[in-house]
Each structure stands twice: as C-alpha cells, then as structure tokens.
C-alpha cells in the first residue's frame, strides 16, 4: 500500500459524510462495477476452475476519500491507490470487495434491498448474483458449472 493511501486512511483523510443507501445506489449506478473472471488455472499442473468476483467503485483521487466512508458503511472490502500511467488520466482510489463471503452476505443483500436504477447495471447485477449463488453451491468446480459461470461472466457487460 502506498504512503498516500496510508495517510488518507486516517480520520482527517475521510469526508465523514452521512451516507444513505440511496446515495450509495446512485454512486454505484454511475461509478461502480460488478465483475467476474472465470479462468482455468493450470499453474500447479492440474486444472483448477477459478471464478473470481469483484464488486468495486473507482473514483478520482480528489473524490476518492468518500470510499473510506463507503468501506465503513459496508464493513468489508479494501481500498487501494491505482496509479495512472497514461497522460491526461488521473490516479484513482479503488474500493473493492473480492471475498465471496462478503459478496454473498453484505453486497448482494444490500442491492437486493436497495435496487439499482439503471437497466444495464441491474442486468449485470443479476448475472453477478447468479454466479455468486453458483459459487456458494460450489457448482463452478465441475466442468458444466464452470462453463456456465464463464458464459455468464462473458455476458456481464454486454
């Protein structure tokens, strides 16, 4: 973790705004993402069906301090600094939840109780939920389930 992230992690670095569920839904509709990668890992000499899930929000460093309040709101996830190498692009703070347990127990229930508004984001979330439930049932481990998860993952952003 960079020194900038460590410094921003203290109370003075936070905005300490009173968040509402509607605010979070709107922010995620605009700046959030639900992502899944389904790959076969052969690095250890055998086929391992690897389905990785990520819920995240990336914001310009100027606005990104609110992500610390969102992390506190959800009670899970991590914040990192994404250094941008491209000219005319800004560094970003990135809030991500990657562990399946938090996705199933915190993120999904939140958005089921407080639905997203944009049709494209709703469809992405629905596929994300379907894949998460498959992981919970360990269906992604078998070849048939893995192929289904991979197919759903490829449709996430269509």
N, C-alpha and C. Protein backbone atom coordinates (compact mmCIF):
# COMPACT_ATOMS: atom_id res chain seq x y z
N UNK A 1 0.86 -1.18 0.00
CA UNK A 1 0.00 0.00 0.00
C UNK A 1 0.90 1.23 0.00
N UNK A 2 0.55 2.22 -0.77
CA UNK A 2 1.38 3.41 -0.86
C UNK A 2 1.19 4.29 0.37
N UNK A 3 2.13 5.21 0.55
CA UNK A 3 2.04 6.14 1.69
C UNK A 3 0.81 7.02 1.58
N UNK A 4 0.42 7.39 0.34
CA UNK A 4 -0.76 8.24 0.16
C UNK A 4 -2.01 7.55 0.70
N UNK A 5 -2.12 6.25 0.44
CA UNK A 5 -3.29 5.52 0.93
C UNK A 5 -3.27 5.44 2.44
N UNK A 6 -2.08 5.18 3.02
CA UNK A 6 -1.97 5.10 4.48
C UNK A 6 -2.36 6.43 5.13
N UNK A 7 -1.91 7.52 4.54
CA UNK A 7 -2.22 8.84 5.08
C UNK A 7 -3.71 9.12 4.98
N UNK A 8 -4.30 8.79 3.85
CA UNK A 8 -5.72 9.05 3.64
C UNK A 8 -6.60 8.16 4.50
N UNK A 9 -6.03 7.08 5.05
CA UNK A 9 -6.83 6.14 5.83
C UNK A 9 -7.12 6.68 7.24
N UNK A 10 -6.48 7.77 7.65
CA UNK A 10 -6.79 8.29 8.98
C UNK A 10 -8.06 9.13 8.95
N UNK A 11 -8.57 9.48 10.09
CA UNK A 11 -9.84 10.19 10.18
C UNK A 11 -9.81 11.55 9.49
N UNK A 12 -8.67 12.24 9.51
CA UNK A 12 -8.61 13.53 8.85
C UNK A 12 -8.75 13.38 7.33
N UNK A 13 -8.37 12.22 6.78
CA UNK A 13 -8.44 11.99 5.36
C UNK A 13 -9.84 11.63 4.87
N UNK A 14 -10.75 11.39 5.78
CA UNK A 14 -12.10 11.00 5.39
C UNK A 14 -13.02 12.20 5.31
N UNK A 15 -14.06 12.04 4.50
CA UNK A 15 -15.04 13.12 4.38
C UNK A 15 -16.03 13.11 5.54
N UNK A 16 -16.25 11.92 6.12
CA UNK A 16 -17.19 11.76 7.22
C UNK A 16 -18.56 12.35 6.90
N UNK A 17 -19.05 12.03 5.74
CA UNK A 17 -20.39 12.45 5.36
C UNK A 17 -21.39 11.40 5.84
N UNK A 18 -22.63 11.81 6.00
CA UNK A 18 -23.65 10.86 6.39
C UNK A 18 -24.17 10.21 5.12
N UNK A 19 -23.77 8.98 4.91
CA UNK A 19 -24.19 8.27 3.71
C UNK A 19 -25.61 7.74 3.88
N UNK A 20 -26.29 7.62 2.75
CA UNK A 20 -27.60 6.98 2.73
C UNK A 20 -27.54 5.85 1.70
N UNK A 21 -28.45 4.92 1.82
CA UNK A 21 -28.49 3.82 0.85
C UNK A 21 -28.75 4.37 -0.55
N UNK A 22 -29.60 5.38 -0.67
CA UNK A 22 -29.88 5.98 -1.99
C UNK A 22 -28.62 6.59 -2.61
N UNK A 23 -27.80 7.24 -1.79
CA UNK A 23 -26.57 7.82 -2.29
C UNK A 23 -25.65 6.72 -2.82
N UNK A 24 -25.50 5.64 -2.07
CA UNK A 24 -24.63 4.54 -2.48
C UNK A 24 -25.14 3.91 -3.76
N UNK A 25 -26.46 3.69 -3.87
CA UNK A 25 -27.03 3.11 -5.09
C UNK A 25 -26.72 4.01 -6.28
N UNK A 26 -26.91 5.31 -6.13
CA UNK A 26 -26.63 6.24 -7.22
C UNK A 26 -25.17 6.24 -7.61
N UNK A 27 -24.29 6.21 -6.62
CA UNK A 27 -22.86 6.19 -6.90
C UNK A 27 -22.47 4.91 -7.64
N UNK A 28 -23.01 3.79 -7.21
CA UNK A 28 -22.70 2.52 -7.86
C UNK A 28 -23.31 2.47 -9.26
N UNK A 29 -24.52 2.99 -9.43
CA UNK A 29 -25.10 3.06 -10.77
C UNK A 29 -24.17 3.80 -11.73
N UNK A 30 -23.52 4.86 -11.25
CA UNK A 30 -22.66 5.66 -12.11
C UNK A 30 -21.21 5.22 -12.15
N UNK A 31 -20.65 4.84 -11.03
CA UNK A 31 -19.20 4.61 -10.95
C UNK A 31 -18.82 3.21 -10.49
N UNK A 32 -19.79 2.38 -10.13
CA UNK A 32 -19.48 1.06 -9.60
C UNK A 32 -19.46 -0.01 -10.66
N UNK A 33 -19.00 -1.18 -10.26
CA UNK A 33 -18.97 -2.31 -11.19
C UNK A 33 -19.06 -3.63 -10.44
N UNK A 34 -19.60 -4.60 -11.15
CA UNK A 34 -19.67 -5.99 -10.71
C UNK A 34 -18.93 -6.77 -11.78
N UNK A 35 -17.86 -7.45 -11.41
CA UNK A 35 -17.02 -8.09 -12.39
C UNK A 35 -16.74 -9.54 -11.99
N UNK A 36 -16.64 -10.40 -12.99
CA UNK A 36 -16.33 -11.81 -12.76
C UNK A 36 -15.34 -12.27 -13.82
N UNK A 37 -14.31 -12.98 -13.39
CA UNK A 37 -13.42 -13.64 -14.35
C UNK A 37 -13.45 -15.13 -14.06
N UNK A 38 -13.62 -15.91 -15.09
CA UNK A 38 -13.65 -17.37 -14.97
C UNK A 38 -12.55 -17.93 -15.86
N UNK A 39 -11.52 -18.45 -15.22
CA UNK A 39 -10.37 -18.98 -15.96
C UNK A 39 -9.98 -20.34 -15.40
N UNK A 40 -9.33 -21.12 -16.23
CA UNK A 40 -8.78 -22.39 -15.78
C UNK A 40 -7.32 -22.15 -15.45
N UNK A 41 -6.98 -22.36 -14.18
CA UNK A 41 -5.61 -22.16 -13.70
C UNK A 41 -4.89 -23.50 -13.81
N UNK A 42 -3.84 -23.54 -14.63
CA UNK A 42 -3.06 -24.77 -14.83
C UNK A 42 -1.66 -24.63 -14.23
N UNK A 43 -1.45 -23.62 -13.41
CA UNK A 43 -0.11 -23.31 -12.91
C UNK A 43 0.46 -24.40 -12.00
N UNK A 44 -0.37 -25.19 -11.39
CA UNK A 44 0.12 -26.22 -10.46
C UNK A 44 0.12 -27.61 -11.08
N UNK A 45 -0.08 -27.67 -12.39
CA UNK A 45 -0.01 -28.95 -13.07
C UNK A 45 -1.34 -29.66 -13.19
N UNK A 46 -2.39 -29.07 -12.68
CA UNK A 46 -3.73 -29.64 -12.84
C UNK A 46 -4.69 -28.50 -13.14
N UNK A 47 -5.86 -28.86 -13.66
CA UNK A 47 -6.85 -27.84 -13.99
C UNK A 47 -7.61 -27.43 -12.74
N UNK A 48 -7.61 -26.14 -12.47
CA UNK A 48 -8.36 -25.60 -11.34
C UNK A 48 -9.32 -24.54 -11.89
N UNK A 49 -10.62 -24.76 -11.68
CA UNK A 49 -11.62 -23.81 -12.15
C UNK A 49 -11.65 -22.63 -11.18
N UNK A 50 -11.23 -21.48 -11.65
CA UNK A 50 -11.09 -20.31 -10.81
C UNK A 50 -12.10 -19.25 -11.25
N UNK A 51 -13.06 -18.97 -10.39
CA UNK A 51 -14.06 -17.95 -10.66
C UNK A 51 -13.87 -16.85 -9.61
N UNK A 52 -13.38 -15.70 -10.06
CA UNK A 52 -13.11 -14.58 -9.16
C UNK A 52 -14.17 -13.51 -9.36
N UNK A 53 -14.68 -13.00 -8.26
CA UNK A 53 -15.73 -11.98 -8.29
C UNK A 53 -15.23 -10.71 -7.62
N UNK A 54 -15.64 -9.57 -8.18
CA UNK A 54 -15.25 -8.28 -7.61
C UNK A 54 -16.43 -7.31 -7.70
N UNK A 55 -16.73 -6.67 -6.57
CA UNK A 55 -17.61 -5.50 -6.57
C UNK A 55 -16.70 -4.33 -6.27
N UNK A 56 -16.82 -3.25 -7.04
CA UNK A 56 -15.93 -2.13 -6.80
C UNK A 56 -16.47 -0.79 -7.24
N UNK A 57 -15.79 0.22 -6.75
CA UNK A 57 -16.05 1.61 -7.14
C UNK A 57 -14.69 2.26 -7.28
N UNK A 58 -14.44 2.88 -8.44
CA UNK A 58 -13.21 3.63 -8.67
C UNK A 58 -13.55 5.11 -8.81
N UNK A 59 -12.81 5.95 -8.09
CA UNK A 59 -13.03 7.39 -8.17
C UNK A 59 -11.70 8.12 -8.26
N UNK A 60 -11.71 9.27 -8.92
CA UNK A 60 -10.56 10.16 -8.97
C UNK A 60 -10.09 10.42 -7.54
N UNK A 61 -8.78 10.54 -7.35
CA UNK A 61 -8.24 10.74 -6.00
C UNK A 61 -8.86 11.95 -5.31
N UNK A 62 -9.24 12.95 -6.06
CA UNK A 62 -9.86 14.14 -5.46
C UNK A 62 -11.18 13.78 -4.79
N UNK A 63 -11.95 12.89 -5.42
CA UNK A 63 -13.25 12.48 -4.89
C UNK A 63 -13.18 11.18 -4.09
N UNK A 64 -12.08 10.47 -4.21
CA UNK A 64 -11.99 9.11 -3.69
C UNK A 64 -12.04 8.94 -2.20
N UNK A 65 -11.87 10.01 -1.45
CA UNK A 65 -11.88 9.86 0.01
C UNK A 65 -13.21 9.36 0.54
N UNK A 66 -14.27 9.57 -0.21
CA UNK A 66 -15.58 9.08 0.24
C UNK A 66 -15.61 7.55 0.26
N UNK A 67 -14.70 6.92 -0.46
CA UNK A 67 -14.66 5.47 -0.47
C UNK A 67 -14.35 4.90 0.91
N UNK A 68 -13.64 5.66 1.73
CA UNK A 68 -13.37 5.20 3.10
C UNK A 68 -14.67 5.15 3.92
N UNK A 69 -15.54 6.12 3.69
CA UNK A 69 -16.84 6.11 4.36
C UNK A 69 -17.69 4.94 3.85
N UNK A 70 -17.60 4.65 2.56
CA UNK A 70 -18.35 3.53 1.99
C UNK A 70 -17.82 2.21 2.53
N UNK A 71 -16.51 2.10 2.66
CA UNK A 71 -15.91 0.89 3.25
C UNK A 71 -16.43 0.70 4.67
N UNK A 72 -16.49 1.79 5.44
CA UNK A 72 -17.04 1.72 6.80
C UNK A 72 -18.51 1.32 6.78
N UNK A 73 -19.27 1.86 5.83
CA UNK A 73 -20.70 1.56 5.69
C UNK A 73 -20.92 0.05 5.51
N UNK A 74 -20.17 -0.53 4.56
CA UNK A 74 -20.33 -1.95 4.28
C UNK A 74 -19.62 -2.84 5.30
N UNK A 75 -18.57 -2.33 5.91
CA UNK A 75 -17.83 -3.12 6.88
C UNK A 75 -16.97 -4.21 6.25
N UNK A 76 -16.62 -4.03 4.99
CA UNK A 76 -15.77 -5.00 4.31
C UNK A 76 -15.10 -4.32 3.13
N UNK A 77 -14.19 -5.03 2.51
CA UNK A 77 -13.52 -4.51 1.32
C UNK A 77 -12.19 -3.87 1.63
N UNK A 78 -11.52 -3.45 0.58
CA UNK A 78 -10.21 -2.82 0.68
C UNK A 78 -10.16 -1.61 -0.23
N UNK A 79 -9.27 -0.70 0.13
CA UNK A 79 -9.06 0.50 -0.69
C UNK A 79 -7.60 0.52 -1.11
N UNK A 80 -7.39 0.81 -2.38
CA UNK A 80 -6.04 0.91 -2.89
C UNK A 80 -5.94 2.13 -3.80
N UNK A 81 -4.72 2.49 -4.08
CA UNK A 81 -4.45 3.60 -4.99
C UNK A 81 -4.03 3.02 -6.32
N UNK A 82 -4.72 3.41 -7.37
CA UNK A 82 -4.39 2.97 -8.73
C UNK A 82 -3.67 4.13 -9.40
N UNK A 83 -2.37 3.96 -9.60
CA UNK A 83 -1.57 4.99 -10.25
C UNK A 83 -1.79 4.90 -11.75
N UNK A 84 -2.11 6.01 -12.35
CA UNK A 84 -2.38 6.06 -13.79
C UNK A 84 -1.11 6.46 -14.52
N UNK A 85 -0.74 5.67 -15.51
CA UNK A 85 0.47 5.95 -16.29
C UNK A 85 0.16 6.71 -17.57
N UNK A 86 -1.10 6.67 -17.99
CA UNK A 86 -1.47 7.35 -19.24
C UNK A 86 -1.56 8.86 -19.02
N UNK A 87 -1.10 9.58 -20.01
CA UNK A 87 -1.17 11.03 -19.97
C UNK A 87 -2.62 11.49 -19.97
N UNK A 88 -2.91 12.53 -19.25
CA UNK A 88 -4.25 13.14 -19.15
C UNK A 88 -5.27 12.27 -18.41
N UNK A 89 -4.80 11.26 -17.71
CA UNK A 89 -5.67 10.46 -16.86
C UNK A 89 -5.23 10.66 -15.42
N UNK A 90 -6.17 10.54 -14.50
CA UNK A 90 -5.88 10.80 -13.09
C UNK A 90 -5.69 9.51 -12.31
N UNK A 91 -4.92 9.60 -11.24
CA UNK A 91 -4.83 8.50 -10.29
C UNK A 91 -6.21 8.29 -9.67
N UNK A 92 -6.46 7.08 -9.21
CA UNK A 92 -7.77 6.77 -8.63
C UNK A 92 -7.63 6.02 -7.33
N UNK A 93 -8.60 6.26 -6.44
CA UNK A 93 -8.79 5.38 -5.30
C UNK A 93 -9.77 4.31 -5.74
N UNK A 94 -9.51 3.08 -5.32
CA UNK A 94 -10.32 1.94 -5.73
C UNK A 94 -10.80 1.19 -4.48
N UNK A 95 -12.12 1.13 -4.32
CA UNK A 95 -12.73 0.31 -3.26
C UNK A 95 -13.18 -0.98 -3.91
N UNK A 96 -12.74 -2.12 -3.35
CA UNK A 96 -13.14 -3.41 -3.91
C UNK A 96 -13.47 -4.42 -2.81
N UNK A 97 -14.49 -5.22 -3.09
CA UNK A 97 -14.83 -6.36 -2.26
C UNK A 97 -14.62 -7.58 -3.15
N UNK A 98 -13.74 -8.47 -2.71
CA UNK A 98 -13.38 -9.62 -3.53
C UNK A 98 -13.74 -10.96 -2.89
N UNK A 99 -13.92 -10.99 -1.59
CA UNK A 99 -14.16 -12.28 -0.96
C UNK A 99 -15.63 -12.68 -1.10
N UNK A 100 -15.82 -13.93 -1.45
CA UNK A 100 -17.16 -14.45 -1.74
C UNK A 100 -18.10 -14.29 -0.56
N UNK A 101 -17.60 -14.50 0.64
CA UNK A 101 -18.45 -14.40 1.83
C UNK A 101 -19.04 -12.99 1.97
N UNK A 102 -18.22 -11.96 1.84
CA UNK A 102 -18.72 -10.59 1.95
C UNK A 102 -19.65 -10.25 0.79
N UNK A 103 -19.33 -10.76 -0.39
CA UNK A 103 -20.21 -10.52 -1.53
C UNK A 103 -21.59 -11.13 -1.27
N UNK A 104 -21.62 -12.37 -0.76
CA UNK A 104 -22.88 -13.06 -0.51
C UNK A 104 -23.64 -12.50 0.69
N UNK A 105 -22.92 -12.11 1.73
CA UNK A 105 -23.58 -11.72 2.98
C UNK A 105 -23.79 -10.22 3.15
N UNK A 106 -23.06 -9.41 2.38
CA UNK A 106 -23.16 -7.95 2.57
C UNK A 106 -23.60 -7.25 1.27
N UNK A 107 -22.84 -7.44 0.22
CA UNK A 107 -23.06 -6.68 -1.01
C UNK A 107 -24.38 -7.07 -1.68
N UNK A 108 -24.57 -8.34 -1.94
CA UNK A 108 -25.80 -8.78 -2.61
C UNK A 108 -27.05 -8.43 -1.82
N UNK A 109 -27.09 -8.73 -0.50
CA UNK A 109 -28.30 -8.34 0.26
C UNK A 109 -28.57 -6.83 0.23
N UNK A 110 -27.51 -6.02 0.24
CA UNK A 110 -27.71 -4.57 0.19
C UNK A 110 -28.42 -4.17 -1.09
N UNK A 111 -27.92 -4.67 -2.24
CA UNK A 111 -28.51 -4.26 -3.51
C UNK A 111 -29.83 -4.98 -3.81
N UNK A 112 -30.11 -6.06 -3.12
CA UNK A 112 -31.44 -6.65 -3.22
C UNK A 112 -32.46 -5.82 -2.44
N UNK A 113 -32.02 -5.28 -1.32
CA UNK A 113 -32.90 -4.42 -0.51
C UNK A 113 -33.02 -3.02 -1.11
N UNK A 114 -31.93 -2.53 -1.71
CA UNK A 114 -31.88 -1.18 -2.29
C UNK A 114 -31.48 -1.33 -3.76
N UNK A 115 -32.45 -1.60 -4.64
CA UNK A 115 -32.13 -1.94 -6.04
C UNK A 115 -31.46 -0.81 -6.80
N UNK A 116 -30.60 -1.22 -7.70
CA UNK A 116 -30.00 -0.30 -8.65
C UNK A 116 -31.09 0.23 -9.56
N UNK A 117 -30.84 1.35 -10.23
CA UNK A 117 -31.87 2.01 -11.05
C UNK A 117 -31.64 1.84 -12.55
N UNK A 118 -30.39 1.77 -12.98
CA UNK A 118 -30.11 1.72 -14.41
C UNK A 118 -30.28 0.29 -14.94
N UNK A 119 -31.04 0.12 -16.03
CA UNK A 119 -31.32 -1.22 -16.56
C UNK A 119 -30.07 -2.05 -16.85
N UNK A 120 -29.06 -1.45 -17.44
CA UNK A 120 -27.83 -2.20 -17.76
C UNK A 120 -27.14 -2.67 -16.48
N UNK A 121 -27.08 -1.81 -15.48
CA UNK A 121 -26.44 -2.19 -14.22
C UNK A 121 -27.25 -3.26 -13.50
N UNK A 122 -28.58 -3.19 -13.60
CA UNK A 122 -29.45 -4.21 -13.00
C UNK A 122 -29.17 -5.58 -13.62
N UNK A 123 -29.07 -5.64 -14.95
CA UNK A 123 -28.80 -6.91 -15.63
C UNK A 123 -27.44 -7.46 -15.22
N UNK A 124 -26.45 -6.59 -15.14
CA UNK A 124 -25.12 -7.02 -14.71
C UNK A 124 -25.18 -7.58 -13.29
N UNK A 125 -25.89 -6.90 -12.40
CA UNK A 125 -26.01 -7.35 -11.02
C UNK A 125 -26.71 -8.71 -10.96
N UNK A 126 -27.76 -8.89 -11.74
CA UNK A 126 -28.50 -10.16 -11.73
C UNK A 126 -27.60 -11.33 -12.14
N UNK A 127 -26.77 -11.15 -13.15
CA UNK A 127 -25.83 -12.20 -13.56
C UNK A 127 -24.76 -12.42 -12.49
N UNK A 128 -24.31 -11.34 -11.88
CA UNK A 128 -23.33 -11.40 -10.79
C UNK A 128 -23.89 -12.24 -9.65
N UNK A 129 -25.16 -12.01 -9.30
CA UNK A 129 -25.81 -12.77 -8.22
C UNK A 129 -25.90 -14.24 -8.61
N UNK A 130 -26.27 -14.51 -9.83
CA UNK A 130 -26.40 -15.90 -10.28
C UNK A 130 -25.06 -16.64 -10.15
N UNK A 131 -23.98 -15.98 -10.54
CA UNK A 131 -22.65 -16.59 -10.43
C UNK A 131 -22.27 -16.77 -8.96
N UNK A 132 -22.57 -15.78 -8.13
CA UNK A 132 -22.25 -15.89 -6.70
C UNK A 132 -22.98 -17.07 -6.06
N UNK A 133 -24.24 -17.26 -6.42
CA UNK A 133 -25.03 -18.38 -5.88
C UNK A 133 -24.45 -19.71 -6.37
N UNK A 134 -23.98 -19.74 -7.62
CA UNK A 134 -23.32 -20.94 -8.13
C UNK A 134 -22.06 -21.24 -7.32
N UNK A 135 -21.29 -20.21 -7.01
CA UNK A 135 -20.08 -20.40 -6.20
C UNK A 135 -20.45 -20.90 -4.80
N UNK A 136 -21.50 -20.33 -4.25
CA UNK A 136 -21.94 -20.74 -2.91
C UNK A 136 -22.28 -22.24 -2.88
N UNK A 137 -22.91 -22.71 -3.96
CA UNK A 137 -23.29 -24.13 -4.07
C UNK A 137 -22.13 -24.97 -4.61
N UNK A 138 -21.00 -24.34 -4.89
CA UNK A 138 -19.79 -24.98 -5.42
C UNK A 138 -20.03 -25.61 -6.80
N UNK A 139 -20.99 -25.08 -7.54
CA UNK A 139 -21.28 -25.58 -8.88
C UNK A 139 -20.18 -25.21 -9.88
N UNK A 140 -19.44 -24.16 -9.60
CA UNK A 140 -18.40 -23.71 -10.52
C UNK A 140 -17.20 -24.66 -10.58
N UNK A 141 -17.13 -25.60 -9.64
CA UNK A 141 -16.00 -26.51 -9.58
C UNK A 141 -16.07 -27.55 -10.71
N UNK A 142 -17.24 -28.05 -11.01
CA UNK A 142 -17.41 -29.02 -12.10
C UNK A 142 -17.33 -28.34 -13.46
N UNK A 143 -17.01 -29.12 -14.47
CA UNK A 143 -16.84 -28.58 -15.82
C UNK A 143 -18.10 -27.90 -16.34
N UNK A 144 -19.25 -28.53 -16.14
CA UNK A 144 -20.50 -27.97 -16.64
C UNK A 144 -20.82 -26.63 -15.95
N UNK A 145 -20.70 -26.60 -14.63
CA UNK A 145 -20.96 -25.37 -13.88
C UNK A 145 -19.96 -24.28 -14.20
N UNK A 146 -18.69 -24.68 -14.38
CA UNK A 146 -17.66 -23.69 -14.72
C UNK A 146 -17.96 -23.05 -16.06
N UNK A 147 -18.34 -23.86 -17.05
CA UNK A 147 -18.67 -23.32 -18.36
C UNK A 147 -19.87 -22.37 -18.29
N UNK A 148 -20.85 -22.70 -17.46
CA UNK A 148 -22.00 -21.81 -17.27
C UNK A 148 -21.55 -20.50 -16.63
N UNK A 149 -20.70 -20.58 -15.60
CA UNK A 149 -20.18 -19.37 -14.95
C UNK A 149 -19.38 -18.53 -15.93
N UNK A 150 -18.58 -19.19 -16.75
CA UNK A 150 -17.76 -18.47 -17.74
C UNK A 150 -18.67 -17.78 -18.76
N UNK A 151 -19.72 -18.47 -19.20
CA UNK A 151 -20.66 -17.88 -20.16
C UNK A 151 -21.37 -16.67 -19.54
N UNK A 152 -21.84 -16.79 -18.30
CA UNK A 152 -22.50 -15.68 -17.62
C UNK A 152 -21.53 -14.51 -17.44
N UNK A 153 -20.29 -14.81 -17.08
CA UNK A 153 -19.28 -13.77 -16.89
C UNK A 153 -19.03 -13.00 -18.19
N UNK A 154 -19.07 -13.71 -19.32
CA UNK A 154 -18.84 -13.03 -20.60
C UNK A 154 -20.01 -12.11 -20.97
N UNK A 155 -21.17 -12.34 -20.37
CA UNK A 155 -22.35 -11.53 -20.66
C UNK A 155 -22.52 -10.36 -19.67
N UNK A 156 -21.66 -10.27 -18.69
CA UNK A 156 -21.83 -9.26 -17.64
C UNK A 156 -21.90 -7.84 -18.19
N UNK A 157 -21.12 -7.54 -19.18
CA UNK A 157 -21.02 -6.14 -19.63
C UNK A 157 -21.52 -5.94 -21.06
N UNK A 158 -22.40 -6.81 -21.48
CA UNK A 158 -22.99 -6.68 -22.83
C UNK A 158 -24.16 -5.72 -22.78
